[in-house]
């Protein structure tokens, strides 16, 4: 995949000692909303998405030398954000298992209803609850394909998973979500 001209300019600025602060702001403006939406779908909490986005951006800034430019900047950013979200979810799951026996989908419903940024209707709430029942990696694959309309090739680059596995994972996730949504009817 070729880099976008905007990516090249941001990367040049980020790697320049004089322009790194302005470039970081450009990076946040260009990709912050995109990454935040992705993280919201994975984490289903605006507070968690904010925290993980901050962790992601700090990690990207610190590890910029690791970006070789073989893929688009957005692909690398998605990969870092997804890995940060998966780490966050594992940590949260360990903490949650110690203190609660609550069903994940009802926990998501409670979090979403309490979230001041959630403005969805009942159907959106049900979709988010169904997403909460998916394993985190499967949720990420479904989100990339369904919400972000990324190709399997792009998702392969982000996740480091084969196209066949991704297709199977997406199909399985869609079936699980469909079955869960039928329960609400």
Protein backbone atom coordinates (compact mmCIF):
# COMPACT_ATOMS: atom_id res chain seq x y z
CA UNK A 1 0.00 0.00 0.00
CA UNK A 2 1.29 3.44 -0.78
CA UNK A 3 1.51 6.18 1.79
CA UNK A 4 -0.77 9.18 1.48
CA UNK A 5 0.95 12.51 0.80
CA UNK A 6 -0.39 13.72 4.16
CA UNK A 7 1.34 10.77 5.84
CA UNK A 8 4.66 11.67 4.24
CA UNK A 9 4.42 15.27 5.44
CA UNK A 10 3.46 14.24 8.98
CA UNK A 11 6.27 11.66 9.10
CA UNK A 12 8.86 14.14 7.86
CA UNK A 13 7.72 16.64 10.49
CA UNK A 14 7.69 14.03 13.25
CA UNK A 15 11.22 12.94 12.43
CA UNK A 16 12.50 16.51 12.31
CA UNK A 17 13.73 17.83 15.69
CA UNK A 18 12.31 21.29 14.97
CA UNK A 19 8.79 20.28 13.97
CA UNK A 20 8.00 17.35 16.20
CA UNK A 21 5.48 19.18 18.44
CA UNK A 22 3.56 20.66 15.50
CA UNK A 23 3.73 17.32 13.68
CA UNK A 24 2.39 15.52 16.73
CA UNK A 25 -0.58 17.93 16.75
CA UNK A 26 -1.07 17.22 13.02
CA UNK A 27 -0.98 13.50 13.71
CA UNK A 28 -3.56 13.86 16.49
CA UNK A 29 -5.82 16.02 14.30
CA UNK A 30 -5.55 13.69 11.31
CA UNK A 31 -5.86 10.35 13.07
CA UNK A 32 -7.18 10.99 16.59
CA UNK A 33 -10.89 10.87 15.69
CA UNK A 34 -10.43 7.78 13.50
CA UNK A 35 -8.53 5.92 16.22
CA UNK A 36 -10.94 7.07 18.93
CA UNK A 37 -13.93 5.65 17.02
CA UNK A 38 -12.08 2.37 16.58
CA UNK A 39 -11.18 2.25 20.27
CA UNK A 40 -14.75 3.10 21.30
CA UNK A 41 -16.00 0.07 19.38
CA UNK A 42 -13.37 -2.15 20.94
CA UNK A 43 -13.58 -0.82 24.50
CA UNK A 44 -17.17 0.45 24.59
CA UNK A 45 -16.33 3.24 27.01
CA UNK A 46 -15.32 6.78 26.08
CA UNK A 47 -13.14 7.10 29.21
CA UNK A 48 -11.28 3.88 28.36
CA UNK A 49 -11.00 4.90 24.70
CA UNK A 50 -9.53 8.27 25.76
CA UNK A 51 -6.97 6.57 27.99
CA UNK A 52 -5.97 4.00 25.39
CA UNK A 53 -5.80 6.66 22.67
CA UNK A 54 -3.43 8.65 24.83
CA UNK A 55 -1.31 5.53 25.47
CA UNK A 56 -1.34 4.81 21.75
CA UNK A 57 -0.23 8.28 20.71
CA UNK A 58 2.54 8.35 23.31
CA UNK A 59 3.76 4.92 22.17
CA UNK A 60 3.63 5.98 18.51
CA UNK A 61 5.64 9.10 19.27
CA UNK A 62 8.25 7.14 21.25
CA UNK A 63 8.48 4.26 18.76
CA UNK A 64 8.37 6.30 15.56
CA UNK A 65 11.77 4.93 14.56
CA UNK A 66 10.15 1.45 14.39
CA UNK A 67 7.87 2.58 11.57
CA UNK A 68 9.61 1.45 8.38
CA UNK A 69 7.05 2.87 5.96
CA UNK A 70 6.19 -0.51 4.40
CA UNK A 71 2.50 0.23 5.00
CA UNK A 72 0.33 3.28 5.38
CA UNK A 73 0.77 5.29 8.55
CA UNK A 74 -2.90 4.64 9.38
CA UNK A 75 -2.30 0.88 9.22
CA UNK A 76 0.54 1.14 11.72
CA UNK A 77 -1.52 3.44 13.97
CA UNK A 78 -4.45 0.99 13.88
CA UNK A 79 -2.08 -1.84 14.78
CA UNK A 80 -0.63 0.03 17.77
CA UNK A 81 -4.10 1.14 18.91
CA UNK A 82 -5.52 -2.38 18.57
CA UNK A 83 -2.64 -3.91 20.53
CA UNK A 84 -3.02 -1.26 23.23
CA UNK A 85 -6.77 -1.93 23.39
CA UNK A 86 -6.25 -5.70 23.65
CA UNK A 87 -3.75 -5.16 26.48
CA UNK A 88 -6.20 -2.82 28.20
CA UNK A 89 -9.03 -5.36 27.84
CA UNK A 90 -6.92 -8.19 29.27
CA UNK A 91 -5.97 -6.04 32.23
CA UNK A 92 -9.55 -4.89 32.75
CA UNK A 93 -10.81 -8.47 32.52
CA UNK A 94 -8.38 -9.61 35.22
CA UNK A 95 -9.47 -6.76 37.51
CA UNK A 96 -13.14 -7.33 36.74
CA UNK A 97 -13.02 -11.09 37.35
CA UNK A 98 -11.72 -10.50 40.83
CA UNK A 99 -14.57 -8.23 41.83
CA UNK A 100 -17.66 -9.03 39.76
CA UNK A 101 -19.81 -11.80 38.43
CA UNK A 102 -21.82 -9.46 36.18
CA UNK A 103 -22.61 -10.50 32.60
CA UNK A 104 -20.39 -8.62 30.07
CA UNK A 105 -23.33 -7.47 27.93
CA UNK A 106 -25.21 -6.00 30.89
CA UNK A 107 -21.99 -4.36 32.06
CA UNK A 108 -21.65 -2.78 28.60
CA UNK A 109 -25.26 -1.61 28.69
CA UNK A 110 -24.71 0.04 32.06
CA UNK A 111 -21.45 1.68 30.90
CA UNK A 112 -22.99 2.96 27.67
CA UNK A 113 -26.08 4.36 29.35
CA UNK A 114 -23.89 6.16 31.89
CA UNK A 115 -21.54 7.49 29.22
CA UNK A 116 -22.36 11.14 28.45
CA UNK A 117 -21.11 10.68 24.86
CA UNK A 118 -23.40 7.76 24.03
CA UNK A 119 -26.25 9.09 21.94
CA UNK A 120 -27.39 5.86 20.33
CA UNK A 121 -30.85 4.42 20.25
CA UNK A 122 -32.03 1.00 21.45
CA UNK A 123 -30.76 -0.72 18.29
CA UNK A 124 -27.29 0.78 18.75
CA UNK A 125 -27.28 -0.32 22.39
CA UNK A 126 -28.23 -3.86 21.38
CA UNK A 127 -25.49 -3.94 18.74
CA UNK A 128 -22.93 -2.77 21.30
CA UNK A 129 -24.13 -5.42 23.76
CA UNK A 130 -23.81 -8.08 21.06
CA UNK A 131 -20.30 -6.84 20.24
CA UNK A 132 -19.38 -7.13 23.92
CA UNK A 133 -20.01 -10.87 23.79
CA UNK A 134 -17.29 -11.35 21.14
CA UNK A 135 -13.70 -12.13 22.08
CA UNK A 136 -11.59 -8.95 21.75
CA UNK A 137 -9.69 -9.97 18.60
CA UNK A 138 -12.88 -11.09 16.88
CA UNK A 139 -14.50 -7.79 17.90
CA UNK A 140 -11.58 -5.91 16.34
CA UNK A 141 -11.84 -7.83 13.06
CA UNK A 142 -15.60 -7.27 12.92
CA UNK A 143 -15.19 -3.56 13.67
CA UNK A 144 -12.50 -3.07 11.05
CA UNK A 145 -14.58 -4.77 8.38
CA UNK A 146 -18.12 -3.69 9.31
CA UNK A 147 -17.65 -0.17 10.67
CA UNK A 148 -14.41 0.98 9.03
CA UNK A 149 -15.01 -0.89 5.75
CA UNK A 150 -11.36 -1.96 5.58
CA UNK A 151 -10.37 -4.64 3.12
CA UNK A 152 -9.19 -8.01 4.40
CA UNK A 153 -5.73 -7.13 3.07
CA UNK A 154 -5.62 -3.98 5.23
CA UNK A 155 -6.86 -5.91 8.25
CA UNK A 156 -4.15 -8.54 7.60
CA UNK A 157 -1.51 -5.81 7.78
CA UNK A 158 -2.96 -4.42 11.00
CA UNK A 159 -3.45 -7.70 12.82
CA UNK A 160 -0.71 -9.84 11.31
CA UNK A 161 -3.29 -12.58 10.66
CA UNK A 162 -3.87 -14.50 7.43
CA UNK A 163 -6.71 -13.46 5.16
CA UNK A 164 -8.41 -16.86 5.48
CA UNK A 165 -8.41 -16.63 9.27
CA UNK A 166 -9.78 -13.10 9.12
CA UNK A 167 -12.60 -14.10 6.82
CA UNK A 168 -13.51 -16.99 9.09
CA UNK A 169 -13.31 -14.77 12.16
CA UNK A 170 -15.50 -12.09 10.56
CA UNK A 171 -18.07 -14.65 9.41
CA UNK A 172 -18.21 -16.23 12.87
CA UNK A 173 -18.52 -12.81 14.54
CA UNK A 174 -21.35 -11.81 12.20
CA UNK A 175 -23.21 -15.05 12.98
CA UNK A 176 -22.78 -14.52 16.74
CA UNK A 177 -23.99 -10.93 16.51
CA UNK A 178 -26.95 -11.96 14.37
CA UNK A 179 -27.92 -14.65 16.88
CA UNK A 180 -27.55 -12.23 19.80
CA UNK A 181 -29.64 -9.56 18.07
CA UNK A 182 -32.40 -12.14 17.42
CA UNK A 183 -32.60 -12.67 21.19
CA UNK A 184 -33.59 -9.02 21.62
CA UNK A 185 -36.53 -9.29 19.21
